[in-house]
Protein backbone atom coordinates (compact mmCIF):
# COMPACT_ATOMS: atom_id res chain seq x y z
CA MET A 1 96.45 90.53 106.33
CA SER A 2 97.02 94.01 107.78
CA ALA A 3 100.20 93.64 109.84
CA PHE A 4 103.55 95.09 110.88
CA TYR A 5 106.65 93.33 109.58
CA ILE A 6 110.35 93.40 110.36
CA ILE A 7 112.30 93.48 107.10
CA ARG A 8 115.85 92.26 106.68
CA TYR A 9 117.36 93.03 103.29
CA ALA A 10 120.64 92.29 101.57
CA GLY A 11 122.30 93.27 98.33
CA THR A 12 125.73 92.96 96.78
CA ALA A 13 127.12 95.79 98.95
CA GLY A 14 125.57 95.24 102.37
CA GLN A 15 122.48 94.61 104.41
CA GLY A 16 119.91 96.48 106.50
CA ASN A 17 116.78 96.26 108.61
CA GLY A 18 113.51 98.11 108.96
CA VAL A 19 109.81 97.93 109.74
CA LEU A 20 106.86 97.97 107.33
CA TYR A 21 103.09 98.06 107.63
CA ILE A 22 101.48 96.06 104.84
CA GLY A 23 97.70 95.94 104.59
CA ARG A 24 94.58 97.32 102.91
CA GLY A 25 96.58 97.96 99.73
CA ILE A 26 99.12 100.15 101.55
CA VAL A 27 102.84 99.74 102.26
CA VAL A 28 104.55 102.23 104.58
CA GLY A 29 107.65 102.05 106.75
CA VAL A 30 111.20 103.07 107.62
CA ASP A 31 114.60 101.43 107.90
CA LEU A 32 117.45 101.88 110.36
CA ALA A 33 119.43 103.96 107.86
CA GLY A 34 116.59 106.52 107.82
CA ALA A 35 115.06 105.67 104.44
CA LYS A 36 111.27 105.95 104.15
CA TYR A 37 108.99 103.62 102.19
CA GLN A 38 105.52 104.43 100.89
CA GLY A 39 103.52 102.59 98.28
CA SER A 40 100.65 100.37 97.35
CA TYR A 41 99.83 96.90 96.12
CA SER A 42 96.99 94.79 94.81
CA ASP A 43 96.26 91.15 95.55
CA ARG A 44 95.88 89.23 92.28
CA ASN A 45 95.77 85.46 91.94
CA GLY A 46 97.31 84.90 95.36
CA ARG A 47 100.21 87.30 94.79
CA LEU A 48 100.90 90.86 95.91
CA HIS A 49 101.86 93.13 93.01
CA GLY A 50 102.93 96.68 93.69
CA SER A 51 105.51 99.37 94.02
CA VAL A 52 107.05 101.32 96.87
CA LYS A 53 108.71 104.72 96.74
CA LEU A 54 112.03 104.62 98.60
CA THR A 55 113.11 108.07 99.80
CA ALA A 56 116.74 108.32 100.87
CA PRO A 57 117.61 110.03 104.17
CA THR A 58 118.32 113.76 103.86
CA ALA A 59 122.06 113.19 104.31
CA GLY A 60 122.15 110.72 101.42
CA SER A 61 123.10 107.09 101.68
CA HIS A 62 124.94 104.09 100.38
CA LEU A 63 122.40 101.54 99.22
CA VAL A 64 122.81 97.79 99.68
CA THR A 65 122.99 97.61 95.88
CA GLY A 66 126.24 99.62 95.95
CA GLN A 67 124.81 102.88 94.64
CA ILE A 68 125.35 106.19 96.42
CA VAL A 69 122.29 108.44 96.27
CA PRO A 70 121.78 112.08 97.23
CA GLY A 71 119.68 112.92 100.27
CA GLY A 72 115.94 113.15 99.78
CA GLN A 73 115.98 111.50 96.35
CA SER A 74 113.18 108.99 95.67
CA PHE A 75 113.13 105.76 93.69
CA ASP A 76 110.36 103.33 92.76
CA LEU A 77 110.85 99.71 93.80
CA LYS A 78 108.66 97.05 92.18
CA PHE A 79 107.59 93.82 93.83
CA ASP A 80 105.66 90.64 93.08
CA LEU A 81 105.36 88.56 96.25
CA PRO A 82 103.55 85.33 97.10
CA ALA A 83 100.66 85.68 99.56
CA ASN A 84 102.78 83.86 102.16
CA PHE A 85 105.76 86.23 101.71
CA ALA A 86 106.54 86.21 105.48
CA ASN A 87 107.63 82.57 105.32
CA GLY A 88 111.24 83.00 106.48
CA ARG A 89 112.66 82.73 102.95
CA PRO A 90 114.23 85.70 101.13
CA GLN A 91 112.02 87.32 98.49
CA THR A 92 113.52 89.17 95.51
CA ILE A 93 112.59 92.84 95.14
CA THR A 94 113.66 94.91 92.15
CA GLY A 95 115.87 97.57 93.72
CA VAL A 96 117.18 100.92 92.50
CA GLY A 97 118.34 100.72 88.89
CA GLY A 98 116.80 97.25 88.50
CA VAL A 99 119.37 95.66 90.83
CA PRO A 100 117.81 92.81 92.85
CA VAL A 101 117.64 92.92 96.65
CA GLN A 102 116.79 89.93 98.83
CA VAL A 103 114.21 90.77 101.53
CA THR A 104 113.04 88.55 104.37
CA PHE A 105 109.80 89.48 106.14
CA GLU A 106 108.91 88.57 109.72
CA LYS A 107 105.39 89.31 110.94
CA ILE A 108 105.38 91.22 114.22
CA SER A 109 101.64 91.57 114.75
CA GLU A 110 98.41 91.59 112.82
CA LEU A 111 96.17 94.63 113.11
CA ARG A 112 92.47 94.23 113.52
CA ASP A 113 89.70 96.81 113.37
CA ALA A 114 88.39 97.85 116.78
CA THR A 115 84.74 96.87 116.43
CA ALA A 116 83.62 96.31 119.98
């Protein structure tokens, strides 16, 4: 399941896009606003349970949830996704302050170990 994904997310105050790597228990990526994402997950009963640390760009930002955050500040985002989360349907992620954000995942490419 190790792959790169395009993410499209929307909240009550806007929308955004980014790229994530999800695989081997790791989540890491960036979005077009300059936020960074780093976290982990476990696969339990066909679902991915985990959390990701969102670090705001150094200049600060307006989040899609409507909050304004200072630059460099970090927040933990929790998620519980079905194994087929890249199915074209929005998935709900618990955003900053518990405000929900809808995220759609599109698989770009799977990564395989080079074992030749």
